[in-house]
Amino acid sequence: MEKTLAQYDKAVAACSIIFLKKTKDYGTAWRILRPSSLTDQLFIKASRIRSIEEKKEQKIAENVDSEYIGLVNYSLMALIQLDLAKDAPLEMELAKVEELYMSKMKETRNLMIAKNHDYGEAWRDMRISSLTDLILMKLLRVKQIEDNEGKTLISEGLDANYQDIINYALFALIKLDEKNS
């Protein structure tokens, strides 16, 4: 588990650096996005990954790693949006955004630790393409929950699905890093 935590934290660090640099460049313009728009953005990123996996080629030089990083960061934006009041200001201070990002990431990391304990790090034996498919399935679930105005009868809510997307994307980044090392 120590190896997993080190790899996980390395992947999180790469994601957070990009997120914070983009926040410095753009501010918190993403705050204008409704949850459904964030979900659609996540769907586009995951669909691009699957398309590249299936076609075995790509026309845009941007690597798949950047899409998995985008999945992590947009999911964290969604988690932050879920907690903010509807009338919260669109523009937020960088320090506040970083605090919220790291808080949500810590919760997600703790969930990963608990699930890894129960599942015995089964993700290590999975194909990256299966992680992509699980992300897409989670996104379809999120869309359904959103269409049901957030109501579920027995299922996990939006936050749990976004956290799973983050963890699957981070697992994919770990596996890609191992493959490239």
Protein backbone atom coordinates (compact mmCIF):
# COMPACT_ATOMS: atom_id res chain seq x y z
CA MET A 1 0.00 0.00 0.00
CA GLU A 2 2.95 2.33 0.59
CA LYS A 3 3.87 2.09 -3.09
CA THR A 4 0.30 2.90 -4.09
CA LEU A 5 0.15 5.91 -1.78
CA ALA A 6 3.44 7.28 -3.15
CA GLN A 7 2.27 6.79 -6.75
CA TYR A 8 -1.16 8.21 -5.98
CA ASP A 9 0.28 11.29 -4.29
CA LYS A 10 2.66 11.85 -7.22
CA ALA A 11 -0.28 11.76 -9.65
CA VAL A 12 -2.33 14.07 -7.43
CA ALA A 13 0.58 16.52 -7.27
CA ALA A 14 0.76 16.63 -11.08
CA CYS A 15 -2.99 17.26 -11.29
CA SER A 16 -2.99 19.96 -8.63
CA ILE A 17 -0.07 21.83 -10.20
CA ILE A 18 -1.97 22.07 -13.48
CA PHE A 19 -5.21 23.02 -11.73
CA LEU A 20 -3.59 25.80 -9.72
CA LYS A 21 -1.63 27.17 -12.69
CA LYS A 22 -4.81 27.28 -14.76
CA THR A 23 -6.60 28.97 -11.88
CA LYS A 24 -3.87 31.63 -11.87
CA ASP A 25 -4.32 32.06 -15.64
CA TYR A 26 -8.12 31.97 -15.83
CA GLY A 27 -9.36 32.62 -12.32
CA THR A 28 -12.38 30.55 -11.37
CA ALA A 29 -14.25 30.95 -14.65
CA TRP A 30 -15.28 27.30 -14.26
CA ARG A 31 -17.62 28.40 -11.47
CA ILE A 32 -20.09 29.55 -14.14
CA LEU A 33 -20.60 25.92 -15.20
CA ARG A 34 -23.68 24.13 -13.96
CA PRO A 35 -23.10 20.60 -12.64
CA SER A 36 -24.55 19.12 -15.84
CA SER A 37 -22.04 21.11 -17.90
CA LEU A 38 -19.16 19.78 -15.82
CA THR A 39 -20.53 16.26 -16.31
CA ASP A 40 -20.68 16.81 -20.07
CA GLN A 41 -17.09 18.10 -20.07
CA LEU A 42 -16.04 14.96 -18.20
CA PHE A 43 -17.95 12.84 -20.70
CA ILE A 44 -16.13 14.50 -23.61
CA LYS A 45 -12.73 13.80 -22.04
CA ALA A 46 -13.54 10.17 -21.23
CA SER A 47 -15.03 9.65 -24.70
CA ARG A 48 -11.85 10.99 -26.31
CA ILE A 49 -9.76 8.53 -24.29
CA ARG A 50 -11.98 5.63 -25.33
CA SER A 51 -11.90 6.75 -28.96
CA ILE A 52 -8.10 6.80 -28.93
CA GLU A 53 -7.99 3.40 -27.22
CA GLU A 54 -10.28 1.90 -29.87
CA LYS A 55 -8.77 3.57 -32.94
CA LYS A 56 -5.18 3.09 -31.71
CA GLU A 57 -4.32 6.48 -33.19
CA GLN A 58 -5.01 10.13 -32.62
CA LYS A 59 -4.94 13.27 -34.74
CA ILE A 60 -4.36 15.76 -31.90
CA ALA A 61 -0.91 15.52 -30.33
CA GLU A 62 -2.19 16.03 -26.76
CA ASN A 63 -1.51 12.81 -24.86
CA VAL A 64 -4.08 10.72 -23.02
CA ASP A 65 -2.45 11.55 -19.68
CA SER A 66 -3.71 15.11 -20.00
CA GLU A 67 -7.28 13.83 -20.43
CA TYR A 68 -7.03 11.72 -17.26
CA ILE A 69 -5.67 14.80 -15.45
CA GLY A 70 -8.65 16.72 -16.82
CA LEU A 71 -10.99 14.04 -15.46
CA VAL A 72 -9.46 14.45 -12.01
CA ASN A 73 -9.59 18.24 -12.08
CA TYR A 74 -13.08 18.61 -13.55
CA SER A 75 -14.40 16.06 -11.05
CA LEU A 76 -12.87 18.08 -8.24
CA MET A 77 -14.49 21.21 -9.67
CA ALA A 78 -17.81 19.37 -9.60
CA LEU A 79 -17.30 18.29 -5.97
CA ILE A 80 -16.46 21.87 -5.02
CA GLN A 81 -19.50 23.19 -6.90
CA LEU A 82 -21.78 20.73 -5.09
CA ASP A 83 -20.73 22.18 -1.72
CA LEU A 84 -20.87 25.87 -2.60
CA ALA A 85 -24.03 27.87 -2.06
CA LYS A 86 -25.94 28.80 -5.21
CA ASP A 87 -25.21 32.48 -4.53
CA ALA A 88 -21.48 32.01 -3.81
CA PRO A 89 -19.35 34.45 -5.80
CA LEU A 90 -18.03 33.22 -9.15
CA GLU A 91 -14.54 34.53 -8.54
CA MET A 92 -12.65 33.01 -5.63
CA GLU A 93 -9.21 33.68 -4.19
CA LEU A 94 -6.51 31.22 -5.25
CA ALA A 95 -5.80 30.26 -1.62
CA LYS A 96 -9.48 29.41 -1.04
CA VAL A 97 -9.68 27.37 -4.25
CA GLU A 98 -6.53 25.47 -3.29
CA GLU A 99 -7.96 24.78 0.18
CA LEU A 100 -11.21 23.43 -1.28
CA TYR A 101 -9.36 21.39 -3.92
CA MET A 102 -7.05 19.79 -1.36
CA SER A 103 -9.91 19.13 1.07
CA LYS A 104 -11.93 17.28 -1.57
CA MET A 105 -8.81 15.45 -2.73
CA LYS A 106 -8.07 14.34 0.85
CA GLU A 107 -11.61 12.94 1.20
CA THR A 108 -11.19 11.13 -2.12
CA ARG A 109 -7.79 9.75 -1.11
CA ASN A 110 -9.28 8.42 2.14
CA LEU A 111 -12.02 6.71 0.14
CA MET A 112 -9.37 5.13 -2.10
CA ILE A 113 -7.50 3.81 0.94
CA ALA A 114 -10.68 2.25 2.35
CA LYS A 115 -11.70 0.69 -0.96
CA ASN A 116 -8.17 -0.56 -1.66
CA HIS A 117 -8.24 -2.29 1.71
CA ASP A 118 -11.53 -4.01 0.91
CA TYR A 119 -10.81 -4.80 -2.75
CA GLY A 120 -7.14 -5.72 -2.33
CA GLU A 121 -5.88 -3.31 -4.98
CA ALA A 122 -7.77 -5.17 -7.71
CA TRP A 123 -7.28 -2.12 -9.98
CA ARG A 124 -3.63 -3.14 -10.46
CA ASP A 125 -4.80 -6.19 -12.43
CA MET A 126 -7.20 -4.18 -14.59
CA ARG A 127 -6.58 -2.87 -18.07
CA ILE A 128 -6.46 0.89 -18.52
CA SER A 129 -9.30 0.54 -21.03
CA SER A 130 -11.46 -1.00 -18.30
CA LEU A 131 -10.77 2.00 -16.07
CA THR A 132 -11.90 4.21 -18.95
CA ASP A 133 -15.10 2.19 -19.32
CA LEU A 134 -15.79 2.41 -15.57
CA ILE A 135 -15.36 6.19 -15.76
CA LEU A 136 -17.84 6.35 -18.65
CA MET A 137 -20.30 4.17 -16.73
CA LYS A 138 -20.00 6.44 -13.68
CA LEU A 139 -20.64 9.46 -15.91
CA LEU A 140 -23.79 7.87 -17.32
CA ARG A 141 -24.91 7.27 -13.74
CA VAL A 142 -24.18 10.90 -12.87
CA LYS A 143 -26.21 12.06 -15.88
CA GLN A 144 -29.14 9.91 -14.73
CA ILE A 145 -28.91 11.25 -11.17
CA GLU A 146 -28.81 14.81 -12.53
CA ASP A 147 -31.82 14.08 -14.74
CA ASN A 148 -33.59 12.81 -11.59
CA GLU A 149 -32.76 16.13 -9.88
CA GLY A 150 -30.25 14.47 -7.57
CA LYS A 151 -32.70 11.96 -6.14
CA THR A 152 -31.74 8.30 -5.78
CA LEU A 153 -33.65 5.44 -4.19
CA ILE A 154 -30.77 3.24 -3.13
CA SER A 155 -27.70 4.37 -5.06
CA GLU A 156 -24.76 6.53 -4.11
CA GLY A 157 -25.07 10.20 -4.87
CA LEU A 158 -23.19 12.51 -7.17
CA ASP A 159 -20.24 13.03 -4.85
CA ALA A 160 -19.45 9.30 -4.56
CA ASN A 161 -19.54 8.92 -8.34
CA TYR A 162 -17.24 11.91 -8.88
CA GLN A 163 -14.84 10.49 -6.28
CA ASP A 164 -14.80 7.14 -8.06
CA ILE A 165 -14.05 8.92 -11.35
CA ILE A 166 -11.13 10.71 -9.70
CA ASN A 167 -9.74 7.48 -8.29
CA TYR A 168 -10.12 5.55 -11.56
CA ALA A 169 -8.42 8.39 -13.45
CA LEU A 170 -5.57 8.46 -10.92
CA PHE A 171 -5.19 4.68 -11.20
CA ALA A 172 -4.97 5.08 -14.98
CA LEU A 173 -2.29 7.76 -14.56
CA ILE A 174 -0.33 5.43 -12.25
CA LYS A 175 -0.59 2.58 -14.75
CA LEU A 176 0.46 4.86 -17.64
CA ASP A 177 3.44 6.07 -15.60
CA GLU A 178 4.46 2.48 -14.86
CA LYS A 179 4.08 1.59 -18.53
CA ASN A 180 6.28 4.52 -19.60
CA SER A 181 8.97 3.90 -16.96
